[in-house]
């Protein structure tokens, strides 16, 4: 499943939802710089204790539960598409399966949870949420099947097919989240070999540098900043291996050019300490489904809702 790619100039306004997730752990010497939704920066110590995943996966997500696409109604899509998406988002099965892919890229409530967890230095709720999304109810197979069928239905002309052809942002963003469901479910379940088994995502958001956190935005079509330096951590390696394996599927929605570029960057920085990785040659040249939008479009898209963050992104 492929959709139009939108790329911007050197200075880009990156989707606020994703930005507020991966901006929390920008390093300031030995402190974290926590970027608030209104642009205010506060600092927290780097010694936040990392909890281990629960021995038994929770049967329900922690409350209050973050909601995907919780500001989406301000965006423009066709009436049939909006109706289908609204129905899908209100489905009990959608809520129960709770896609981490859409929480990570479209949820302000998830971004606020990450922010509050770092400020209070208590990652328990976030830890339980990751554990639940990794092993959701009623079952992994049921959820995978549900999102596959939902993506198929979404793509029909009677629902959001025309919106996808026109590259309307909301439809593309939702479709990418559905397509990346199982990939990011697996990513949420990755555990660190350096922190006695804590979730890799928790390790990334509490690191002294945002470099590893950038890897979590790759499925959304956002390149690694040219200035970033991979830490060569086992978590980053495992995450990139997961992405590379996913590109072998003909149904992969990943931007393989972006994934390959990240892999090349890691292999160049980390040398022989990491095994060679390569994106499947059969799909490397595929059209990207990136949801990185051009500067003007994003500015118009978010201006009526909240302040937009401007991020200087070096061309890669």
Protein backbone atom coordinates (compact mmCIF):
# COMPACT_ATOMS: atom_id res chain seq x y z
CA UNK A 1 0.00 0.00 0.00
CA UNK A 2 1.67 3.22 -1.17
CA UNK A 3 0.70 6.85 -0.91
CA UNK A 4 2.14 10.14 -2.06
CA UNK A 5 5.23 11.47 -0.32
CA UNK A 6 5.40 15.09 0.79
CA UNK A 7 8.79 16.51 1.72
CA UNK A 8 9.64 19.98 2.79
CA UNK A 9 12.66 22.29 2.65
CA UNK A 10 15.51 22.40 5.13
CA UNK A 11 13.31 24.06 7.75
CA UNK A 12 10.28 21.90 8.40
CA UNK A 13 7.37 22.11 10.69
CA UNK A 14 7.07 18.48 11.76
CA UNK A 15 3.75 17.03 12.84
CA UNK A 16 3.13 18.27 16.37
CA UNK A 17 1.92 14.93 17.66
CA UNK A 18 5.13 13.17 16.73
CA UNK A 19 7.32 16.11 17.63
CA UNK A 20 5.98 16.33 21.16
CA UNK A 21 6.82 12.65 21.59
CA UNK A 22 10.40 12.66 20.38
CA UNK A 23 11.33 16.13 21.61
CA UNK A 24 11.06 15.33 25.31
CA UNK A 25 14.53 13.86 25.64
CA UNK A 26 16.71 16.46 23.88
CA UNK A 27 19.96 16.50 25.80
CA UNK A 28 21.26 19.49 27.77
CA UNK A 29 24.55 18.22 29.20
CA UNK A 30 23.40 15.92 32.02
CA UNK A 31 19.78 17.06 31.99
CA UNK A 32 16.82 16.40 29.73
CA UNK A 33 15.14 19.30 27.98
CA UNK A 34 11.42 18.68 28.16
CA UNK A 35 9.57 20.66 25.49
CA UNK A 36 6.10 21.74 26.54
CA UNK A 37 3.17 22.06 24.12
CA UNK A 38 3.44 25.84 24.34
CA UNK A 39 7.18 25.81 23.70
CA UNK A 40 8.26 26.14 27.33
CA UNK A 41 11.34 24.08 28.21
CA UNK A 42 11.97 22.52 31.61
CA UNK A 43 14.72 20.15 32.69
CA UNK A 44 14.72 16.84 34.48
CA UNK A 45 17.53 14.66 35.77
CA UNK A 46 18.69 11.75 33.63
CA UNK A 47 18.48 9.25 36.50
CA UNK A 48 14.83 8.32 36.01
CA UNK A 49 14.40 4.70 37.14
CA UNK A 50 13.27 2.38 34.36
CA UNK A 51 10.64 -0.18 35.42
CA UNK A 52 10.63 -3.70 34.07
CA UNK A 53 7.68 -4.87 31.97
CA UNK A 54 5.03 -6.57 34.13
CA UNK A 55 5.44 -10.34 34.35
CA UNK A 56 1.85 -10.75 33.20
CA UNK A 57 0.53 -8.42 30.51
CA UNK A 58 -2.31 -6.22 31.76
CA UNK A 59 -5.80 -7.25 30.66
CA UNK A 60 -6.81 -3.61 30.32
CA UNK A 61 -4.84 -0.47 29.48
CA UNK A 62 -4.09 2.01 32.26
CA UNK A 63 -6.61 4.80 32.79
CA UNK A 64 -7.07 7.42 31.62
CA UNK A 65 -6.22 5.73 28.34
CA UNK A 66 -4.60 7.84 25.61
CA UNK A 67 -6.73 8.15 22.49
CA UNK A 68 -5.39 8.05 18.91
CA UNK A 69 -6.25 10.97 16.64
CA UNK A 70 -7.79 12.96 19.47
CA UNK A 71 -7.70 16.26 17.54
CA UNK A 72 -8.43 14.90 14.10
CA UNK A 73 -11.88 16.46 13.57
CA UNK A 74 -10.33 19.77 12.58
CA UNK A 75 -8.78 18.25 9.50
CA UNK A 76 -10.42 18.13 6.08
CA UNK A 77 -11.52 14.84 4.56
CA UNK A 78 -14.57 13.85 2.57
CA UNK A 79 -17.82 13.12 4.37
CA UNK A 80 -17.73 9.36 3.59
CA UNK A 81 -14.14 9.17 4.84
CA UNK A 82 -14.87 11.12 8.00
CA UNK A 83 -17.89 8.94 8.71
CA UNK A 84 -15.88 5.73 8.28
CA UNK A 85 -13.00 6.95 10.41
CA UNK A 86 -15.31 8.16 13.17
CA UNK A 87 -17.05 4.80 13.20
CA UNK A 88 -13.73 2.97 13.32
CA UNK A 89 -12.32 5.09 16.14
CA UNK A 90 -15.45 4.52 18.23
CA UNK A 91 -15.34 0.76 17.71
CA UNK A 92 -14.84 -1.20 20.96
CA UNK A 93 -12.36 -3.47 19.17
CA UNK A 94 -10.30 -0.50 17.99
CA UNK A 95 -10.15 0.82 21.55
CA UNK A 96 -9.29 -2.59 22.93
CA UNK A 97 -6.51 -3.22 20.40
CA UNK A 98 -5.12 0.30 21.04
CA UNK A 99 -2.62 0.78 18.18
CA UNK A 100 0.74 2.08 19.40
CA UNK A 101 1.45 3.18 15.82
CA UNK A 102 -1.32 5.79 16.02
CA UNK A 103 -0.64 6.72 19.64
CA UNK A 104 2.94 7.54 18.72
CA UNK A 105 2.09 9.73 15.74
CA UNK A 106 -1.39 11.21 16.26
CA UNK A 107 -2.25 11.34 19.95
CA UNK A 108 -1.84 14.48 22.05
CA UNK A 109 -3.05 12.55 25.09
CA UNK A 110 -0.19 10.07 24.61
CA UNK A 111 2.27 12.94 24.16
CA UNK A 112 0.99 14.45 27.39
CA UNK A 113 1.42 11.11 29.17
CA UNK A 114 5.04 10.92 28.04
CA UNK A 115 5.62 14.48 29.17
CA UNK A 116 4.02 14.00 32.59
CA UNK A 117 5.83 10.69 33.11
CA UNK A 118 9.17 12.39 32.57
CA UNK A 119 8.32 15.40 34.71
CA UNK A 120 7.13 13.25 37.63
CA UNK A 121 9.94 10.74 37.05
CA UNK A 122 7.38 7.94 37.23
CA UNK A 123 7.17 5.70 34.16
CA UNK A 124 4.84 3.08 35.65
CA UNK A 125 1.74 4.08 33.68
CA UNK A 126 3.65 4.38 30.44
CA UNK A 127 5.33 1.04 31.12
CA UNK A 128 1.96 -0.66 31.64
CA UNK A 129 0.60 0.97 28.49
CA UNK A 130 3.48 -0.39 26.42
CA UNK A 131 2.94 -3.85 27.90
CA UNK A 132 -0.75 -3.73 27.04
CA UNK A 133 -0.31 -2.52 23.46
CA UNK A 134 2.22 -5.30 22.91
CA UNK A 135 -0.25 -7.98 24.00
CA UNK A 136 -3.72 -6.45 23.59
CA UNK A 137 -7.13 -7.90 24.21
CA UNK A 138 -8.90 -9.92 22.94
CA UNK A 139 -5.78 -11.32 21.19
CA UNK A 140 -2.90 -10.30 18.95
CA UNK A 141 -4.28 -12.27 16.00
CA UNK A 142 -7.71 -10.70 16.35
CA UNK A 143 -6.23 -7.21 16.44
CA UNK A 144 -3.89 -7.79 13.49
CA UNK A 145 -6.79 -9.14 11.44
CA UNK A 146 -9.01 -6.23 12.47
CA UNK A 147 -6.52 -3.57 11.38
CA UNK A 148 -5.77 -5.36 8.12
CA UNK A 149 -9.45 -5.49 7.21
CA UNK A 150 -9.97 -1.91 8.38
CA UNK A 151 -7.14 -0.72 6.14
CA UNK A 152 -8.68 -2.57 3.20
CA UNK A 153 -12.09 -1.04 3.86
CA UNK A 154 -10.57 2.41 4.38
CA UNK A 155 -8.98 2.25 0.94
CA UNK A 156 -12.25 1.65 -0.90
CA UNK A 157 -13.72 4.53 -2.89
CA UNK A 158 -16.87 4.38 -0.79
CA UNK A 159 -14.83 5.30 2.28
CA UNK A 160 -11.44 7.04 2.06
CA UNK A 161 -10.10 5.80 -1.28
CA UNK A 162 -10.47 9.16 -3.01
CA UNK A 163 -8.97 10.97 -0.03
CA UNK A 164 -5.93 8.70 -0.20
CA UNK A 165 -5.59 9.32 -3.93
CA UNK A 166 -5.70 13.05 -3.23
CA UNK A 167 -3.13 12.59 -0.43
CA UNK A 168 -5.34 14.24 2.17
CA UNK A 169 -3.27 14.34 5.31
CA UNK A 170 -5.69 12.82 7.79
CA UNK A 171 -6.55 9.87 5.55
CA UNK A 172 -2.88 9.15 4.79
CA UNK A 173 -1.92 9.46 8.45
CA UNK A 174 -4.69 7.09 9.52
CA UNK A 175 -3.88 4.58 6.77
CA UNK A 176 -0.19 4.57 7.68
CA UNK A 177 -1.06 3.96 11.32
CA UNK A 178 -3.26 1.02 10.39
CA UNK A 179 -0.62 -0.42 8.07
CA UNK A 180 2.09 -0.06 10.73
CA UNK A 181 -0.02 -1.58 13.52
CA UNK A 182 1.73 -4.92 13.89
CA UNK A 183 5.20 -3.50 13.24
CA UNK A 184 4.87 -0.90 15.98
CA UNK A 185 3.15 -3.37 18.31
CA UNK A 186 6.31 -5.45 18.07
CA UNK A 187 8.46 -2.34 18.48
CA UNK A 188 6.61 -1.39 21.67
CA UNK A 189 7.51 -4.81 23.06
CA UNK A 190 11.25 -4.55 22.46
CA UNK A 191 13.27 -4.69 25.68
CA UNK A 192 16.75 -3.40 26.39
CA UNK A 193 19.79 -5.57 26.94
CA UNK A 194 21.49 -2.71 28.77
CA UNK A 195 18.85 -1.88 31.38
CA UNK A 196 18.04 -5.42 32.56
CA UNK A 197 15.03 -5.76 30.32
CA UNK A 198 13.22 -2.42 30.38
CA UNK A 199 11.20 -1.34 27.34
CA UNK A 200 13.40 0.11 24.62
CA UNK A 201 10.99 3.00 24.14
CA UNK A 202 11.43 4.00 27.78
CA UNK A 203 15.18 3.83 27.36
CA UNK A 204 14.92 6.13 24.33
CA UNK A 205 12.79 8.81 25.98
CA UNK A 206 15.00 8.93 29.08
CA UNK A 207 18.35 8.93 27.27
CA UNK A 208 20.69 11.90 27.62
CA UNK A 209 20.41 12.45 23.88
CA UNK A 210 17.44 12.39 21.51
CA UNK A 211 19.49 10.51 18.90
CA UNK A 212 17.99 7.09 19.65
CA UNK A 213 14.49 8.52 19.96
CA UNK A 214 14.63 9.68 16.35
CA UNK A 215 14.55 6.04 15.25
CA UNK A 216 10.98 5.76 16.52
CA UNK A 217 9.83 8.40 14.03
CA UNK A 218 11.20 6.58 10.96
CA UNK A 219 7.95 4.68 10.20
CA UNK A 220 6.19 8.07 10.05
CA UNK A 221 8.49 9.04 7.19
CA UNK A 222 10.76 11.40 9.15
CA UNK A 223 14.45 11.11 8.32
CA UNK A 224 17.19 11.12 10.92
CA UNK A 225 18.50 14.66 11.35
CA UNK A 226 21.88 15.02 9.69
CA UNK A 227 23.33 16.22 12.99
CA UNK A 228 22.23 13.16 14.98
CA UNK A 229 24.81 10.60 16.09
CA UNK A 230 23.54 7.04 16.70
CA UNK A 231 24.50 5.66 20.09
CA UNK A 232 24.98 2.13 18.74
CA UNK A 233 22.75 0.82 21.52
CA UNK A 234 21.34 -2.71 21.28
CA UNK A 235 17.83 -1.23 21.34
CA UNK A 236 18.48 0.91 18.28
CA UNK A 237 19.93 -2.08 16.46
CA UNK A 238 16.97 -4.28 17.28
CA UNK A 239 14.51 -1.58 16.23
CA UNK A 240 16.24 -1.11 12.87
CA UNK A 241 16.38 -4.88 12.37
CA UNK A 242 12.63 -4.97 12.94
CA UNK A 243 12.11 -2.25 10.34
CA UNK A 244 14.40 -3.99 7.86
CA UNK A 245 12.55 -7.28 8.28
CA UNK A 246 9.25 -5.49 7.73
CA UNK A 247 10.33 -4.13 4.36
CA UNK A 248 10.55 -7.70 3.05
CA UNK A 249 6.75 -7.79 3.03
CA UNK A 250 5.00 -6.62 -0.12
CA UNK A 251 2.40 -4.94 2.09
CA UNK A 252 4.97 -2.90 4.01
CA UNK A 253 4.08 0.78 4.33
CA UNK A 254 7.58 1.87 5.35
CA UNK A 255 9.57 4.40 3.36
CA UNK A 256 12.40 2.07 2.47
CA UNK A 257 14.71 4.86 1.36
CA UNK A 258 14.48 6.44 4.81
CA UNK A 259 14.96 3.08 6.56
CA UNK A 260 17.99 2.23 4.42
CA UNK A 261 19.50 5.66 5.07
CA UNK A 262 19.15 5.14 8.82
CA UNK A 263 20.70 1.68 8.59
CA UNK A 264 23.61 3.04 6.57
CA UNK A 265 24.09 5.78 9.18
CA UNK A 266 24.19 3.24 12.01
CA UNK A 267 26.54 0.89 10.19
CA UNK A 268 28.82 3.81 9.35
CA UNK A 269 28.89 5.06 12.93
CA UNK A 270 29.02 1.75 14.73
CA UNK A 271 31.24 -0.28 12.45
CA UNK A 272 31.92 -3.95 13.00
CA UNK A 273 30.26 -3.90 16.40
CA UNK A 274 26.92 -4.31 14.64
CA UNK A 275 25.97 -7.00 12.12
CA UNK A 276 25.40 -5.90 8.55
CA UNK A 277 21.82 -4.99 7.77
CA UNK A 278 20.15 -4.13 4.51
CA UNK A 279 16.63 -3.33 3.46
CA UNK A 280 15.03 -5.87 1.14
CA UNK A 281 16.23 -5.07 -2.38
CA UNK A 282 12.84 -5.92 -3.82
CA UNK A 283 11.20 -2.91 -2.22
CA UNK A 284 14.03 -0.42 -1.70
CA UNK A 285 12.94 1.73 -4.60
CA UNK A 286 9.27 1.80 -3.66
CA UNK A 287 7.30 5.00 -3.40
CA UNK A 288 7.33 6.31 0.15
CA UNK A 289 4.18 6.51 2.27
CA UNK A 290 5.77 9.22 4.38
CA UNK A 291 3.56 11.51 6.42
CA UNK A 292 6.14 14.27 6.53
CA UNK A 293 4.33 17.28 5.11
CA UNK A 294 5.69 20.35 3.40
CA UNK A 295 6.26 23.46 5.45
CA UNK A 296 3.35 25.54 4.20
CA UNK A 297 0.82 22.71 4.41
CA UNK A 298 1.70 21.90 8.00
CA UNK A 299 1.61 25.54 9.02
CA UNK A 300 -1.91 25.94 7.64
CA UNK A 301 -2.96 22.59 9.08
CA UNK A 302 -2.05 23.29 12.68
CA UNK A 303 -2.29 27.07 12.99
CA UNK A 304 -5.91 27.04 14.09
CA UNK A 305 -5.28 24.45 16.82
CA UNK A 306 -2.06 25.27 18.60
CA UNK A 307 1.38 26.75 18.16
CA UNK A 308 3.48 24.93 15.60
CA UNK A 309 7.04 23.91 16.38
CA UNK A 310 9.68 24.74 13.80
CA UNK A 311 12.50 22.28 13.55
CA UNK A 312 15.64 22.75 11.55
CA UNK A 313 16.23 19.53 9.65
CA UNK A 314 19.36 19.16 7.61
CA UNK A 315 18.93 17.57 4.22
CA UNK A 316 20.03 13.97 4.04
